[in-house]
C-alpha cells in the first residue's frame, strides 16, 4: 500500500523526470542532426522520411537519455524538497533518508528493466533501420536543381545551361544542352526559349524547347567518314531520366549481421562461433599452411650431429656437410623459404587480430545493454543524495551538478569502450568502468546525506575559513 509520503515523493519526481527526459532526448537527437547534416542536405527528402530517420535516432539515443533524465530529475526532486524545508520536516519526524528514497528506488528499478528490454529488443531493430536508411541517403545524388547561368552536370551524359529563368521557375531562356553518350562525339541542342516540368510520375524531367537548333555528328569515330547534321525546330521535347536521384531502398538484410543489430541471444551465438573459430580454425590453418615449408623434417637424421670416434669427422652445423658449389644456391632458397613463411605468418596473424577485434566488438555490445541499464540506478544513487545535500531546486545549481556528473559518466564510458576496442582492457572492465567508478561516489554521497552533511554548504566553508583566520597573526599588529 502506497503511503502519503510515497505519493509526495512520486508526484515530486514524475514531473521533472518527464520534462528532463524529453529535453535530454532532444539534445541527443540534435547532436545527430549536426553530425550528419551534410549527408542529408540537398537530397530532396520529404517530411515523412526525415521523421522516420529522427524516430530511429531517438530510439537509439533513449538508453543514454534515460540515465541523464534520472540524474537531473532526482537532483531537482530532492533539491526542491530541501529548499521548501519538506526534507527537514520529514527527517524531524524520525524518517531516515533511505525510507523516503524507497519509492524512487522502485521506480528506478522499473526504469532499469525497461531500459534493458528496450536495448535488447527495440534498439537492434532501430539500428538496422537507421543504418540502412542513412546509407541510402548518403549514396543518393543531390536533388535536381538547375540554376541560371551555371552548367548543371549531375545528369549522366548531359551538361545543361539555362541563361535565364522567370519567376515562375519553369519558363527558361537561352538553353544549351550538351549530350555526350560516351561515343567521343558531342551533340548540342540550342534554343531561345522553353519550359521545363517534372512528369506526373516524377520519373522524368521534360524540356519543351522553342526556336532552336540541334547539332549532331554521326559516323565512325576518329575517321573522315563522319557526317555533320544541323536540324532546326520550332518545337522540340527532350526528356531526362530522374531515377538516379531517388533515394534507394536497400534491403535490411544487407546489415543484419552487424553486431549492433543483434540482441543478447544472437550475440551469445555469434561470440561462441567466433571464439570457436579462433581456437580451432586458425590453429588448423597454421598447420596446413606452414607444413609445406617443413617437408625436410620427415627426412631429418641426427647422425650428422655426432659420430663414433674415428668413424667420420665431427661437424658443427648442417651447412658444413654441403659442397661449396651448392652453398650459394642453398642460402638463396633458404632465404626465399623464410620470406614466404614470414609473409604467410603475417597474413595469418593479421586475420587472427581482425577476428579477435570482432569478438571484442560483439562483447562490447553485449555488455553495453546491461551497463547502460544499470547506469540508471548508479546515477540515481548519486542524484538523490546530492539533491538532499545542496537543497536547491529548479534548473540552476542542480543542472550544473547533473551536467558535471553526467560528463564524468559519459567520458568514462567512452574511454572504457575505446580501451576495449584497442585491447587495453577486457570488455567486462572497460564497459563497466563508469559504473565501477561512480558507485563508490554514490555510496559516499548517500552516507553524507544521511548525516546531514555540510559538504556543499557554502556557509559551512565560510564559517570554517573565518575560524581559521582567527588563529592567524594579525597583519596590522
Protein backbone atom coordinates (compact mmCIF):
# COMPACT_ATOMS: atom_id res chain seq x y z
CA UNK A 1 0.00 0.00 0.00
CA UNK A 2 1.36 3.38 -1.03
CA UNK A 3 1.51 5.85 1.82
CA UNK A 4 1.13 9.62 1.58
CA UNK A 5 4.89 10.10 1.90
CA UNK A 6 5.47 7.83 -1.08
CA UNK A 7 2.81 9.70 -3.05
CA UNK A 8 4.51 13.00 -2.24
CA UNK A 9 7.90 11.76 -3.43
CA UNK A 10 6.49 10.19 -6.60
CA UNK A 11 4.48 13.28 -7.55
CA UNK A 12 7.54 15.45 -7.00
CA UNK A 13 9.65 13.14 -9.20
CA UNK A 14 7.37 12.37 -12.19
CA UNK A 15 7.03 15.94 -13.48
CA UNK A 16 10.77 16.78 -13.56
CA UNK A 17 11.58 13.31 -14.91
CA UNK A 18 9.25 13.63 -17.93
CA UNK A 19 10.48 17.16 -18.70
CA UNK A 20 14.19 16.33 -18.38
CA UNK A 21 13.80 13.07 -20.31
CA UNK A 22 12.39 14.79 -23.40
CA UNK A 23 14.89 17.63 -23.13
CA UNK A 24 17.78 15.14 -22.92
CA UNK A 25 16.39 13.14 -25.82
CA UNK A 26 16.01 16.30 -27.90
CA UNK A 27 19.61 17.34 -27.21
CA UNK A 28 20.95 13.92 -28.20
CA UNK A 29 18.88 13.89 -31.40
CA UNK A 30 20.15 17.37 -32.28
CA UNK A 31 23.68 16.08 -31.78
CA UNK A 32 22.98 13.54 -34.53
CA UNK A 33 21.49 16.23 -36.79
CA UNK A 34 24.61 18.40 -36.58
CA UNK A 35 26.81 15.37 -37.20
CA UNK A 36 25.03 14.15 -40.35
CA UNK A 37 23.53 17.39 -41.67
CA UNK A 38 25.91 17.44 -44.65
CA UNK A 39 24.73 13.99 -45.75
CA UNK A 40 21.06 14.98 -45.73
CA UNK A 41 21.04 18.50 -47.14
CA UNK A 42 20.11 18.74 -50.80
CA UNK A 43 18.85 15.16 -51.15
CA UNK A 44 15.19 16.11 -51.60
CA UNK A 45 13.98 14.20 -48.53
CA UNK A 46 10.30 14.51 -47.74
CA UNK A 47 8.92 15.17 -44.26
CA UNK A 48 7.95 11.52 -43.68
CA UNK A 49 11.48 10.28 -44.44
CA UNK A 50 13.05 12.84 -42.11
CA UNK A 51 10.52 11.98 -39.38
CA UNK A 52 11.29 8.26 -39.67
CA UNK A 53 15.03 8.91 -39.51
CA UNK A 54 14.61 11.11 -36.42
CA UNK A 55 12.46 8.41 -34.84
CA UNK A 56 15.16 5.79 -35.33
CA UNK A 57 17.76 8.19 -33.89
CA UNK A 58 15.57 8.89 -30.86
CA UNK A 59 15.17 5.17 -30.26
CA UNK A 60 18.92 4.58 -30.34
CA UNK A 61 19.55 7.59 -28.04
CA UNK A 62 16.99 6.56 -25.41
CA UNK A 63 19.36 4.39 -23.27
CA UNK A 64 21.66 7.39 -22.88
CA UNK A 65 18.87 9.93 -22.31
CA UNK A 66 17.25 7.84 -19.57
CA UNK A 67 20.19 7.91 -17.08
CA UNK A 68 20.67 11.64 -17.66
CA UNK A 69 16.98 12.30 -17.02
CA UNK A 70 17.03 10.21 -13.83
CA UNK A 71 20.12 12.04 -12.56
CA UNK A 72 18.76 15.52 -13.23
CA UNK A 73 15.21 14.82 -12.05
CA UNK A 74 16.39 13.15 -8.82
CA UNK A 75 18.61 16.15 -8.00
CA UNK A 76 15.72 18.53 -8.75
CA UNK A 77 13.21 16.47 -6.74
CA UNK A 78 15.24 16.27 -3.55
CA UNK A 79 16.59 19.78 -4.08
CA UNK A 80 13.04 21.17 -4.24
CA UNK A 81 12.05 19.23 -1.13
CA UNK A 82 15.10 20.55 0.69
CA UNK A 83 14.57 24.13 -0.46
CA UNK A 84 10.97 24.09 0.79
CA UNK A 85 12.09 22.52 4.12
CA UNK A 86 9.99 19.43 3.50
CA UNK A 87 13.07 17.26 3.93
CA UNK A 88 13.67 18.88 7.30
CA UNK A 89 10.09 18.11 8.35
CA UNK A 90 10.38 14.51 7.18
CA UNK A 91 13.66 13.93 8.97
CA UNK A 92 12.40 15.63 12.13
CA UNK A 93 9.58 13.06 12.18
CA UNK A 94 12.22 10.35 12.53
CA UNK A 95 12.03 9.10 8.93
CA UNK A 96 15.51 8.30 7.57
CA UNK A 97 16.70 9.29 4.12
CA UNK A 98 16.63 5.75 2.75
CA UNK A 99 12.97 5.41 3.72
CA UNK A 100 11.70 8.31 1.63
CA UNK A 101 14.08 7.31 -1.18
CA UNK A 102 12.44 3.87 -1.25
CA UNK A 103 9.61 4.64 -3.75
CA UNK A 104 12.12 6.11 -6.19
CA UNK A 105 14.32 3.05 -5.79
CA UNK A 106 11.36 1.04 -7.06
CA UNK A 107 10.74 3.43 -9.96
CA UNK A 108 14.42 3.37 -10.88
CA UNK A 109 14.47 -0.44 -10.81
CA UNK A 110 11.49 -0.49 -13.19
CA UNK A 111 13.22 2.02 -15.48
CA UNK A 112 16.37 -0.14 -15.45
CA UNK A 113 14.32 -3.13 -16.62
CA UNK A 114 12.57 -1.03 -19.27
CA UNK A 115 15.93 0.29 -20.50
CA UNK A 116 17.32 -3.25 -20.76
CA UNK A 117 14.27 -4.60 -22.62
CA UNK A 118 14.38 -1.60 -24.95
CA UNK A 119 18.12 -2.06 -25.56
CA UNK A 120 17.70 -5.78 -26.21
CA UNK A 121 14.62 -5.86 -28.42
CA UNK A 122 13.95 -2.39 -29.85
CA UNK A 123 17.35 -0.79 -30.38
CA UNK A 124 18.76 -3.60 -32.62
CA UNK A 125 15.81 -3.11 -34.98
CA UNK A 126 16.12 0.69 -34.79
CA UNK A 127 19.86 0.45 -35.50
CA UNK A 128 19.18 -1.75 -38.51
CA UNK A 129 16.54 0.58 -39.94
CA UNK A 130 18.62 3.67 -39.17
CA UNK A 131 21.83 2.29 -40.72
CA UNK A 132 20.02 1.17 -43.87
CA UNK A 133 18.21 4.46 -44.31
CA UNK A 134 21.32 6.56 -43.63
CA UNK A 135 23.26 4.51 -46.18
CA UNK A 136 20.58 5.12 -48.81
CA UNK A 137 20.63 8.86 -48.09
CA UNK A 138 24.41 9.04 -48.28
CA UNK A 139 24.70 7.30 -51.64
CA UNK A 140 21.75 9.22 -53.16
CA UNK A 141 22.55 12.01 -55.58
CA UNK A 142 21.74 15.63 -54.68
CA UNK A 143 18.23 16.77 -55.57
CA UNK A 144 17.77 18.07 -59.09
CA UNK A 145 18.30 21.85 -59.14
CA UNK A 146 19.21 23.87 -62.27
CA UNK A 147 20.37 27.43 -61.60
CA UNK A 148 20.51 30.23 -64.16
CA UNK A 149 23.90 30.92 -65.75
CA UNK A 150 25.59 27.76 -64.35
CA UNK A 151 26.26 24.48 -66.14
CA UNK A 152 24.49 21.58 -64.42
CA UNK A 153 26.33 18.28 -64.95
CA UNK A 154 24.71 15.93 -62.40
CA UNK A 155 22.69 14.16 -65.10
CA UNK A 156 24.85 11.36 -66.58
CA UNK A 157 25.82 12.15 -70.16
CA UNK A 158 24.46 15.73 -70.19
CA UNK A 159 25.52 19.25 -69.31
CA UNK A 160 22.71 21.83 -69.22
CA UNK A 161 22.94 25.60 -69.06
CA UNK A 162 19.97 27.94 -68.71
CA UNK A 163 20.73 31.59 -69.38
CA UNK A 164 17.69 32.98 -67.56
CA UNK A 165 14.75 31.69 -65.50
CA UNK A 166 11.49 33.54 -64.96
CA UNK A 167 9.94 33.99 -61.53
CA UNK A 168 7.64 31.02 -62.02
CA UNK A 169 10.71 28.74 -62.08
CA UNK A 170 9.52 26.86 -65.19
CA UNK A 171 9.94 29.31 -68.06
CA UNK A 172 13.55 29.37 -69.28
CA UNK A 173 15.57 31.24 -71.93
CA UNK A 174 18.85 30.74 -73.81
CA UNK A 175 19.10 27.00 -73.27
CA UNK A 176 22.21 24.96 -74.14
CA UNK A 177 22.25 21.17 -73.77
CA UNK A 178 25.44 19.19 -74.38
CA UNK A 179 24.92 15.47 -75.00
CA UNK A 180 27.79 13.02 -74.58
CA UNK A 181 26.79 9.39 -74.82
CA UNK A 182 30.39 8.17 -74.34
CA UNK A 183 30.99 7.91 -78.09
CA UNK A 184 33.50 10.80 -78.11
CA UNK A 185 31.15 12.74 -80.37
CA UNK A 186 29.24 15.60 -78.81
CA UNK A 187 25.72 16.60 -79.79
CA UNK A 188 24.41 20.03 -78.91
CA UNK A 189 20.89 21.47 -78.60
CA UNK A 190 20.44 25.25 -78.55
CA UNK A 191 17.09 27.01 -78.06
CA UNK A 192 15.96 30.57 -77.39
CA UNK A 193 13.01 29.81 -75.10
CA UNK A 194 11.35 26.90 -73.42
CA UNK A 195 9.72 25.42 -70.37
CA UNK A 196 10.78 22.64 -68.00
CA UNK A 197 8.46 20.45 -65.96
CA UNK A 198 8.56 17.25 -63.93
CA UNK A 199 6.44 14.42 -65.33
CA UNK A 200 3.34 13.44 -63.28
CA UNK A 201 5.04 10.23 -62.08
CA UNK A 202 8.15 12.31 -61.13
CA UNK A 203 10.40 10.00 -63.11
CA UNK A 204 11.41 12.39 -65.91
CA UNK A 205 12.43 15.99 -66.36
CA UNK A 206 10.83 17.29 -69.57
CA UNK A 207 12.12 20.25 -71.59
CA UNK A 208 9.71 21.85 -74.10
CA UNK A 209 12.01 23.91 -76.34
CA UNK A 210 11.12 26.50 -78.97
CA UNK A 211 13.03 28.09 -81.85
CA UNK A 212 16.31 26.25 -81.72
CA UNK A 213 18.85 24.06 -83.44
CA UNK A 214 20.19 20.57 -82.92
CA UNK A 215 23.80 19.84 -83.98
CA UNK A 216 24.84 16.22 -84.44
CA UNK A 217 27.84 14.26 -85.67
CA UNK A 218 27.38 10.71 -86.90
CA UNK A 219 29.73 8.08 -88.24
CA UNK A 220 32.82 6.08 -87.17
CA UNK A 221 34.86 7.89 -84.55
CA UNK A 222 38.31 9.23 -85.48
CA UNK A 223 37.78 8.74 -89.21
CA UNK A 224 36.92 11.11 -92.06
CA UNK A 225 33.70 9.11 -92.66
CA UNK A 226 31.58 11.20 -90.28
CA UNK A 227 28.65 13.44 -91.25
CA UNK A 228 27.63 16.66 -89.59
CA UNK A 229 23.93 17.49 -89.22
CA UNK A 230 22.16 20.68 -88.26
CA UNK A 231 18.43 20.47 -87.65
CA UNK A 232 16.23 23.44 -86.93
CA UNK A 233 13.00 23.16 -84.99
CA UNK A 234 10.09 25.27 -83.87
CA UNK A 235 9.15 22.96 -81.01
CA UNK A 236 11.14 20.11 -79.51
CA UNK A 237 10.67 17.90 -76.43
CA UNK A 238 13.64 16.49 -74.55
CA UNK A 239 13.20 14.11 -71.58
CA UNK A 240 15.78 13.26 -68.89
CA UNK A 241 15.59 10.22 -66.64
CA UNK A 242 15.50 11.16 -62.92
CA UNK A 243 15.51 7.67 -61.47
CA UNK A 244 19.08 8.13 -60.28
CA UNK A 245 18.01 10.98 -57.98
CA UNK A 246 15.68 8.87 -55.89
CA UNK A 247 16.72 7.55 -52.51
CA UNK A 248 17.47 3.84 -52.82
CA UNK A 249 15.62 1.15 -50.90
CA UNK A 250 18.39 -1.13 -49.70
CA UNK A 251 17.04 -4.32 -48.05
CA UNK A 252 17.62 -4.60 -44.31
CA UNK A 253 19.29 -7.98 -44.77
CA UNK A 254 22.46 -6.23 -46.02
CA UNK A 255 23.33 -5.00 -42.49
CA UNK A 256 21.56 -7.54 -40.29
CA UNK A 257 24.78 -9.40 -39.43
CA UNK A 258 26.38 -6.37 -37.77
CA UNK A 259 26.92 -6.69 -34.01
CA UNK A 260 24.84 -3.54 -33.34
CA UNK A 261 21.79 -5.24 -34.87
CA UNK A 262 21.82 -8.28 -32.54
CA UNK A 263 20.13 -8.99 -29.22
CA UNK A 264 21.63 -10.87 -26.27
CA UNK A 265 20.91 -14.40 -27.52
CA UNK A 266 22.16 -13.61 -31.02
CA UNK A 267 25.31 -12.01 -29.60
CA UNK A 268 25.95 -15.11 -27.48
CA UNK A 269 25.73 -17.36 -30.53
CA UNK A 270 27.96 -15.07 -32.57
CA UNK A 271 30.60 -14.84 -29.83
CA UNK A 272 30.63 -18.64 -29.42
CA UNK A 273 31.09 -19.10 -33.17
CA UNK A 274 33.87 -16.53 -33.39
CA UNK A 275 35.75 -17.85 -30.36
CA UNK A 276 35.49 -21.40 -31.68
CA UNK A 277 36.98 -20.19 -34.96
CA UNK A 278 39.83 -18.54 -33.09
CA UNK A 279 40.60 -21.72 -31.17
CA UNK A 280 40.27 -24.29 -33.95
CA UNK A 281 40.26 -22.86 -37.45
CA UNK A 282 43.34 -20.66 -37.09
CA UNK A 283 45.34 -23.49 -35.47
CA UNK A 284 44.38 -25.77 -38.35
CA UNK A 285 45.23 -23.04 -40.83
CA UNK A 286 48.71 -22.56 -39.34
CA UNK A 287 49.42 -26.28 -39.53
CA UNK A 288 48.08 -26.53 -43.06
CA UNK A 289 49.97 -23.56 -44.50
CA UNK A 290 53.22 -23.98 -42.57
CA UNK A 291 53.61 -27.75 -43.06
CA UNK A 292 54.58 -27.27 -46.68
CA UNK A 293 57.69 -25.33 -45.69
CA UNK A 294 58.99 -28.06 -43.37
CA UNK A 295 58.99 -31.13 -45.64
CA UNK A 296 62.65 -31.79 -44.79
CA UNK A 297 61.60 -32.61 -41.24
CA UNK A 298 60.47 -36.08 -42.18
CA UNK A 299 63.97 -36.86 -43.51
CA UNK A 300 65.82 -35.42 -40.53
CA UNK A 301 68.66 -37.64 -39.32
CA UNK A 302 70.65 -36.88 -36.21
CA UNK A 303 73.64 -38.87 -37.41
CA UNK A 304 75.40 -35.78 -38.74
CA UNK A 305 75.48 -34.24 -35.25
CA UNK A 306 77.64 -36.89 -33.53
CA UNK A 307 79.62 -39.78 -34.91
CA UNK A 308 81.63 -42.55 -33.30
CA UNK A 309 85.23 -41.62 -32.69
CA UNK A 310 87.30 -42.34 -35.75
CA UNK A 311 84.30 -43.10 -37.94
CA UNK A 312 83.93 -39.66 -39.53
CA UNK A 313 84.93 -36.09 -38.83
CA UNK A 314 82.53 -34.28 -36.49
CA UNK A 315 80.62 -31.28 -37.93
CA UNK A 316 79.12 -28.32 -36.11
CA UNK A 317 76.25 -27.46 -38.48
CA UNK A 318 74.26 -28.81 -41.36
CA UNK A 319 75.80 -26.40 -43.84
CA UNK A 320 79.26 -27.89 -43.25
CA UNK A 321 78.07 -31.09 -44.91
CA UNK A 322 77.23 -29.32 -48.21
CA UNK A 323 79.72 -28.92 -51.05
CA UNK A 324 80.95 -25.40 -51.65
CA UNK A 325 79.33 -25.32 -55.09
CA UNK A 326 75.81 -25.71 -53.64
CA UNK A 327 76.07 -23.42 -50.64
CA UNK A 328 75.11 -20.25 -52.52
CA UNK A 329 72.03 -21.89 -54.06
CA UNK A 330 71.09 -23.38 -50.70
CA UNK A 331 71.36 -20.00 -48.99
CA UNK A 332 69.21 -18.38 -51.69
CA UNK A 333 66.48 -20.99 -51.46
CA UNK A 334 66.52 -20.87 -47.68
CA UNK A 335 66.03 -17.08 -47.75
CA UNK A 336 63.14 -17.47 -50.20
CA UNK A 337 61.51 -20.07 -47.98
CA UNK A 338 61.90 -17.90 -44.90
CA UNK A 339 60.44 -14.88 -46.72
CA UNK A 340 57.40 -16.87 -47.83
CA UNK A 341 56.95 -18.25 -44.32
CA UNK A 342 57.19 -14.76 -42.84
CA UNK A 343 54.55 -13.41 -45.25
CA UNK A 344 52.23 -16.32 -44.53
CA UNK A 345 52.60 -15.88 -40.79
CA UNK A 346 51.95 -12.12 -41.10
CA UNK A 347 48.72 -12.76 -43.05
CA UNK A 348 47.56 -15.37 -40.53
CA UNK A 349 48.38 -13.04 -37.62
CA UNK A 350 46.52 -10.10 -39.22
CA UNK A 351 43.49 -12.30 -39.83
CA UNK A 352 43.64 -13.53 -36.24
CA UNK A 353 43.77 -9.95 -34.90
CA UNK A 354 40.77 -8.97 -37.03
CA UNK A 355 38.75 -11.91 -35.71
CA UNK A 356 39.83 -11.10 -32.16
CA UNK A 357 38.72 -7.49 -32.65
CA UNK A 358 35.37 -8.70 -33.99
CA UNK A 359 34.92 -10.77 -30.83
CA UNK A 360 35.67 -7.70 -28.71
CA UNK A 361 33.11 -5.62 -30.65
CA UNK A 362 30.43 -8.24 -30.01
CA UNK A 363 31.30 -8.36 -26.32
CA UNK A 364 31.22 -4.54 -26.14
CA UNK A 365 27.66 -4.56 -27.46
CA UNK A 366 26.72 -7.39 -25.09
CA UNK A 367 27.97 -5.51 -22.01
CA UNK A 368 26.56 -2.19 -23.23
CA UNK A 369 23.00 -3.46 -22.95
CA UNK A 370 23.49 -4.24 -19.26
CA UNK A 371 25.84 -1.37 -18.38
CA UNK A 372 23.60 1.44 -19.68
CA UNK A 373 20.59 -0.10 -17.96
CA UNK A 374 22.44 -0.34 -14.65
CA UNK A 375 23.63 3.26 -15.15
CA UNK A 376 20.07 4.43 -14.36
CA UNK A 377 20.45 3.07 -10.82
CA UNK A 378 24.01 4.39 -10.44
CA UNK A 379 23.11 7.95 -11.42
CA UNK A 380 20.02 7.89 -9.19
CA UNK A 381 22.27 6.79 -6.33
CA UNK A 382 24.27 9.97 -6.98
CA UNK A 383 21.40 12.34 -7.78
CA UNK A 384 19.06 11.67 -4.85
CA UNK A 385 21.58 12.25 -2.01
CA UNK A 386 23.21 15.10 -3.93
CA UNK A 387 19.86 16.90 -4.18
CA UNK A 388 19.23 16.47 -0.44
CA UNK A 389 22.69 17.91 0.27
CA UNK A 390 22.58 21.00 -1.98
CA UNK A 391 18.89 21.73 -1.12
CA UNK A 392 18.35 23.82 -4.25
CA UNK A 393 15.57 23.25 -6.77
CA UNK A 394 14.90 24.44 -10.29
CA UNK A 395 17.28 24.24 -13.24
CA UNK A 396 20.15 26.28 -11.80
CA UNK A 397 22.57 24.55 -9.48
CA UNK A 398 21.00 21.07 -9.99
CA UNK A 399 21.62 21.34 -13.72
CA UNK A 400 25.27 22.26 -13.13
CA UNK A 401 25.90 19.22 -10.91
CA UNK A 402 23.92 16.95 -13.24
CA UNK A 403 26.00 18.03 -16.23
CA UNK A 404 29.26 17.54 -14.30
CA UNK A 405 28.43 14.01 -13.16
CA UNK A 406 26.93 13.02 -16.49
CA UNK A 407 30.06 14.22 -18.29
CA UNK A 408 32.17 12.15 -15.90
CA UNK A 409 29.94 9.14 -16.59
CA UNK A 410 29.95 9.68 -20.35
CA UNK A 411 33.70 10.25 -20.60
CA UNK A 412 34.50 7.18 -18.52
CA UNK A 413 32.10 5.21 -20.71
CA UNK A 414 33.80 6.46 -23.88
CA UNK A 415 37.32 5.89 -22.58
CA UNK A 416 36.44 2.40 -21.35
CA UNK A 417 34.94 1.44 -24.72
CA UNK A 418 37.96 2.87 -26.56
CA UNK A 419 40.37 0.91 -24.37
CA UNK A 420 38.38 -2.27 -25.04
CA UNK A 421 38.49 -1.64 -28.79
CA UNK A 422 42.26 -1.26 -28.57
CA UNK A 423 42.63 -4.38 -26.45
CA UNK A 424 43.97 -2.49 -23.42
CA UNK A 425 41.10 -3.53 -21.13
CA UNK A 426 38.80 -6.53 -21.09
CA UNK A 427 35.17 -5.91 -22.11
CA UNK A 428 34.00 -6.52 -18.54
CA UNK A 429 36.28 -3.85 -17.05
CA UNK A 430 36.05 -1.33 -19.90
CA UNK A 431 32.28 -1.28 -20.36
CA UNK A 432 31.61 -1.19 -16.62
CA UNK A 433 34.34 1.35 -15.85
CA UNK A 434 31.90 4.24 -15.40
CA UNK A 435 29.65 2.24 -13.05
CA UNK A 436 32.57 0.88 -11.03
CA UNK A 437 33.90 4.43 -10.62
CA UNK A 438 30.62 6.17 -9.74
CA UNK A 439 29.11 3.62 -7.35
CA UNK A 440 31.58 4.49 -4.53
CA UNK A 441 30.79 8.18 -5.08
CA UNK A 442 27.06 7.45 -4.79
CA UNK A 443 27.58 5.48 -1.58
CA UNK A 444 29.70 8.29 -0.16
CA UNK A 445 27.08 10.93 -1.01
CA UNK A 446 24.32 8.78 0.48
CA UNK A 447 26.36 8.39 3.68
CA UNK A 448 26.87 12.16 3.88
CA UNK A 449 23.20 12.93 3.15
CA UNK A 450 22.01 10.52 5.86
CA UNK A 451 24.07 12.51 8.39
CA UNK A 452 23.02 15.99 7.17
CA UNK A 453 26.49 16.71 5.85
CA UNK A 454 27.59 20.28 5.13
CA UNK A 455 29.59 19.04 2.17
CA UNK A 456 28.14 21.56 -0.32
CA UNK A 457 27.05 24.30 2.08
CA UNK A 458 29.00 27.46 1.33
CA UNK A 459 28.15 28.95 4.73
CA UNK A 460 29.89 26.00 6.38
CA UNK A 461 33.08 26.70 4.47
CA UNK A 462 32.77 30.43 5.17
CA UNK A 463 32.48 29.81 8.92
CA UNK A 464 35.36 27.34 8.81
CA UNK A 465 37.57 29.83 6.99
CA UNK A 466 36.65 32.58 9.46
CA UNK A 467 37.66 30.35 12.38
CA UNK A 468 40.98 29.61 10.71
CA UNK A 469 41.63 33.31 10.25
CA UNK A 470 41.27 33.85 14.00
CA UNK A 471 44.32 31.64 14.53
CA UNK A 472 46.46 33.55 12.03
CA UNK A 473 48.59 36.50 13.22
CA UNK A 474 47.11 39.91 12.61
CA UNK A 475 48.97 41.74 9.85
CA UNK A 476 48.34 45.16 11.33
CA UNK A 477 49.70 44.02 14.71
